[in-house]
Amino acid sequence: MQYRFLSTVGNWFIPLFLLAVFLHGTYKRVPLFDTFVEGAREGFFLAIKLLPYVVGIYVAVEIFRGSGSMEFLFAPIQSLLEFLGLPGDILPLMVVRLMSGAAALGLTSDLLDKFGPDSFAGRLASTLDGCTDTVLYIMALYFASVGIKDPRYSLPVGIAAALSGFVASVIICKMVFS
């Protein structure tokens, strides 16, 4: 009963929201079609402007992953994680998640194939992937879109936020699934 109600609300939320925006724009006498076309035009040119940054991040992550450098650099730390009772294979996901969501999703998929979705490693990988964001990708994308050249403290704060998400994921998964 409750699932059906939530499903119905979820299915109708976006169409009703769009209807509310349309009605509000009509009430305020905003030229809706012209405004929509203007926004679409700006979005298109922004996407073209950002494409080199997005491609650069994807290429860098895949080179790092495909060259074997990631496994070589993480081998000592993976042993420490395994000593602490965590799957050592989770470390590459933690690092790659900072750079690329698509690459992190690929690593999560590999972990799910290797350990299974109901294993502790699978649940931890899914939680890590869902509770953190791609710090470097977001910085490149959003800062490039508005022309910021000096990010100041954004990188350290973003990495600290990601680390807190990683730690929280481990603690919560240990509490819930162990």
Protein backbone atom coordinates (compact mmCIF):
# COMPACT_ATOMS: atom_id res chain seq x y z
CA MET A 1 0.00 0.00 0.00
CA GLN A 2 2.68 2.50 1.04
CA TYR A 3 4.93 1.50 -1.88
CA ARG A 4 2.09 2.06 -4.35
CA PHE A 5 1.39 5.52 -2.92
CA LEU A 6 5.07 6.52 -3.09
CA SER A 7 5.35 5.13 -6.60
CA THR A 8 2.31 7.13 -7.73
CA VAL A 9 3.65 10.32 -6.12
CA GLY A 10 7.05 9.72 -7.72
CA ASN A 11 5.54 9.19 -11.16
CA TRP A 12 3.47 12.38 -10.99
CA PHE A 13 5.95 14.68 -9.24
CA ILE A 14 7.95 15.88 -12.25
CA PRO A 15 4.95 16.39 -14.59
CA LEU A 16 3.13 18.33 -11.85
CA PHE A 17 6.25 20.38 -11.12
CA LEU A 18 6.59 21.26 -14.80
CA LEU A 19 2.91 22.18 -14.92
CA ALA A 20 3.41 24.44 -11.88
CA VAL A 21 6.38 26.15 -13.56
CA PHE A 22 4.34 26.61 -16.75
CA LEU A 23 1.37 28.06 -14.86
CA HIS A 24 3.60 30.38 -12.80
CA GLY A 25 5.36 31.59 -15.96
CA THR A 26 2.03 32.19 -17.64
CA TYR A 27 0.76 34.08 -14.58
CA LYS A 28 3.90 36.27 -14.57
CA ARG A 29 3.53 36.82 -18.34
CA VAL A 30 6.93 35.34 -19.17
CA PRO A 31 7.36 34.46 -22.87
CA LEU A 32 7.73 30.74 -22.12
CA PHE A 33 8.77 29.41 -25.50
CA ASP A 34 11.31 32.18 -26.13
CA THR A 35 12.75 31.71 -22.64
CA PHE A 36 12.97 27.95 -23.17
CA VAL A 37 14.75 28.35 -26.53
CA GLU A 38 17.17 30.90 -25.02
CA GLY A 39 18.03 28.52 -22.18
CA ALA A 40 18.48 25.60 -24.57
CA ARG A 41 20.80 27.72 -26.76
CA GLU A 42 22.92 28.73 -23.76
CA GLY A 43 23.04 25.11 -22.57
CA PHE A 44 24.20 23.93 -25.98
CA PHE A 45 27.03 26.45 -26.17
CA LEU A 46 28.01 25.71 -22.57
CA ALA A 47 28.21 21.98 -23.38
CA ILE A 48 30.49 22.71 -26.34
CA LYS A 49 32.66 24.95 -24.17
CA LEU A 50 32.99 22.27 -21.45
CA LEU A 51 33.55 19.27 -23.71
CA PRO A 52 37.39 19.50 -23.71
CA TYR A 53 37.47 19.48 -19.89
CA VAL A 54 35.17 16.46 -19.67
CA VAL A 55 37.12 14.51 -22.29
CA GLY A 56 40.41 15.41 -20.58
CA ILE A 57 39.26 14.03 -17.23
CA TYR A 58 37.92 10.81 -18.76
CA VAL A 59 41.13 10.23 -20.73
CA ALA A 60 43.36 10.91 -17.69
CA VAL A 61 41.41 8.48 -15.50
CA GLU A 62 41.43 5.74 -18.11
CA ILE A 63 45.17 6.16 -18.72
CA PHE A 64 45.81 5.97 -14.97
CA ARG A 65 43.63 2.89 -14.65
CA GLY A 66 44.69 1.13 -17.87
CA SER A 67 48.43 1.60 -17.40
CA GLY A 68 48.52 -0.43 -14.19
CA SER A 69 49.76 2.58 -12.22
CA MET A 70 46.69 2.50 -10.01
CA GLU A 71 47.29 -1.09 -8.90
CA PHE A 72 51.01 -0.46 -8.38
CA LEU A 73 50.46 2.61 -6.19
CA PHE A 74 47.66 1.09 -4.13
CA ALA A 75 49.16 -2.34 -3.36
CA PRO A 76 50.72 -1.35 0.02
CA ILE A 77 47.62 0.49 1.23
CA GLN A 78 45.35 -2.37 0.15
CA SER A 79 47.18 -4.67 2.57
CA LEU A 80 46.49 -2.21 5.40
CA LEU A 81 42.80 -2.06 4.50
CA GLU A 82 42.56 -5.84 4.49
CA PHE A 83 44.24 -5.92 7.91
CA LEU A 84 41.51 -3.55 9.15
CA GLY A 85 38.82 -5.90 7.84
CA LEU A 86 37.96 -3.94 4.70
CA PRO A 87 38.25 -5.31 1.19
CA GLY A 88 41.47 -3.97 -0.32
CA ASP A 89 39.84 -3.80 -3.74
CA ILE A 90 37.74 -0.86 -2.50
CA LEU A 91 40.71 1.57 -2.48
CA PRO A 92 40.83 2.18 -6.25
CA LEU A 93 37.12 3.00 -6.12
CA MET A 94 37.76 5.58 -3.40
CA VAL A 95 40.41 7.35 -5.46
CA VAL A 96 38.76 7.10 -8.86
CA ARG A 97 35.46 8.33 -7.41
CA LEU A 98 37.16 11.69 -6.82
CA MET A 99 37.90 11.99 -10.54
CA SER A 100 35.20 10.32 -12.61
CA GLY A 101 31.74 9.03 -11.86
CA ALA A 102 31.69 6.83 -14.97
CA ALA A 103 35.02 5.22 -14.13
CA ALA A 104 33.91 4.74 -10.51
CA LEU A 105 30.71 3.09 -11.71
CA GLY A 106 32.83 0.75 -13.82
CA LEU A 107 34.93 -0.16 -10.77
CA THR A 108 31.77 -0.67 -8.70
CA SER A 109 30.43 -2.97 -11.40
CA ASP A 110 33.72 -4.92 -11.36
CA LEU A 111 33.52 -5.26 -7.58
CA LEU A 112 29.90 -6.43 -7.77
CA ASP A 113 30.89 -9.02 -10.39
CA LYS A 114 33.84 -10.19 -8.31
CA PHE A 115 32.24 -10.30 -4.84
CA GLY A 116 28.50 -10.25 -5.54
CA PRO A 117 25.95 -7.54 -4.71
CA ASP A 118 25.02 -9.06 -1.34
CA SER A 119 28.61 -9.29 -0.08
CA PHE A 120 30.09 -6.73 2.30
CA ALA A 121 32.42 -5.53 -0.46
CA GLY A 122 29.52 -5.12 -2.89
CA ARG A 123 27.42 -3.22 -0.38
CA LEU A 124 30.35 -1.03 0.64
CA ALA A 125 31.20 -0.28 -3.00
CA SER A 126 27.58 0.64 -3.72
CA THR A 127 27.40 2.86 -0.64
CA LEU A 128 30.71 4.57 -1.45
CA ASP A 129 29.62 5.17 -5.01
CA GLY A 130 26.30 6.61 -3.92
CA CYS A 131 27.38 8.83 -1.04
CA THR A 132 30.32 10.68 -2.57
CA ASP A 133 30.79 12.87 -5.60
CA THR A 134 33.42 13.50 -8.24
CA VAL A 135 35.39 16.39 -6.78
CA LEU A 136 37.84 16.95 -9.64
CA TYR A 137 35.19 16.53 -12.33
CA ILE A 138 32.88 18.99 -10.64
CA MET A 139 35.68 21.51 -10.16
CA ALA A 140 36.74 21.24 -13.80
CA LEU A 141 33.20 21.42 -15.11
CA TYR A 142 31.70 24.16 -12.98
CA PHE A 143 34.79 26.30 -12.60
CA ALA A 144 35.42 26.16 -16.35
CA SER A 145 31.80 27.07 -17.07
CA VAL A 146 32.07 30.34 -15.14
CA GLY A 147 35.75 31.07 -15.82
CA ILE A 148 37.22 30.59 -12.34
CA LYS A 149 41.02 30.38 -12.57
CA ASP A 150 41.93 30.19 -8.86
CA PRO A 151 39.92 27.55 -6.98
CA ARG A 152 41.57 28.49 -3.63
CA TYR A 153 40.38 26.05 -0.97
CA SER A 154 37.88 24.16 -3.12
CA LEU A 155 40.10 21.13 -3.72
CA PRO A 156 41.10 20.51 -0.09
CA VAL A 157 37.53 21.06 1.11
CA GLY A 158 36.15 18.78 -1.61
CA ILE A 159 38.64 16.03 -0.77
CA ALA A 160 37.89 16.40 2.96
CA ALA A 161 34.17 16.08 2.23
CA ALA A 162 34.81 12.99 0.10
CA LEU A 163 36.98 11.45 2.82
CA SER A 164 34.26 12.05 5.40
CA GLY A 165 31.81 10.33 3.03
CA PHE A 166 34.19 7.39 2.66
CA VAL A 167 34.64 7.06 6.43
CA ALA A 168 30.90 7.38 7.04
CA SER A 169 30.23 4.71 4.41
CA VAL A 170 32.65 2.30 6.04
CA ILE A 171 31.25 2.93 9.53
CA ILE A 172 27.64 2.62 8.44
CA CYS A 173 28.26 -0.49 6.36
CA LYS A 174 30.18 -2.08 9.26
CA MET A 175 27.30 -1.29 11.62
CA VAL A 176 24.52 -2.40 9.29
CA PHE A 177 26.02 -5.28 7.33
CA SER A 178 28.53 -6.89 9.71
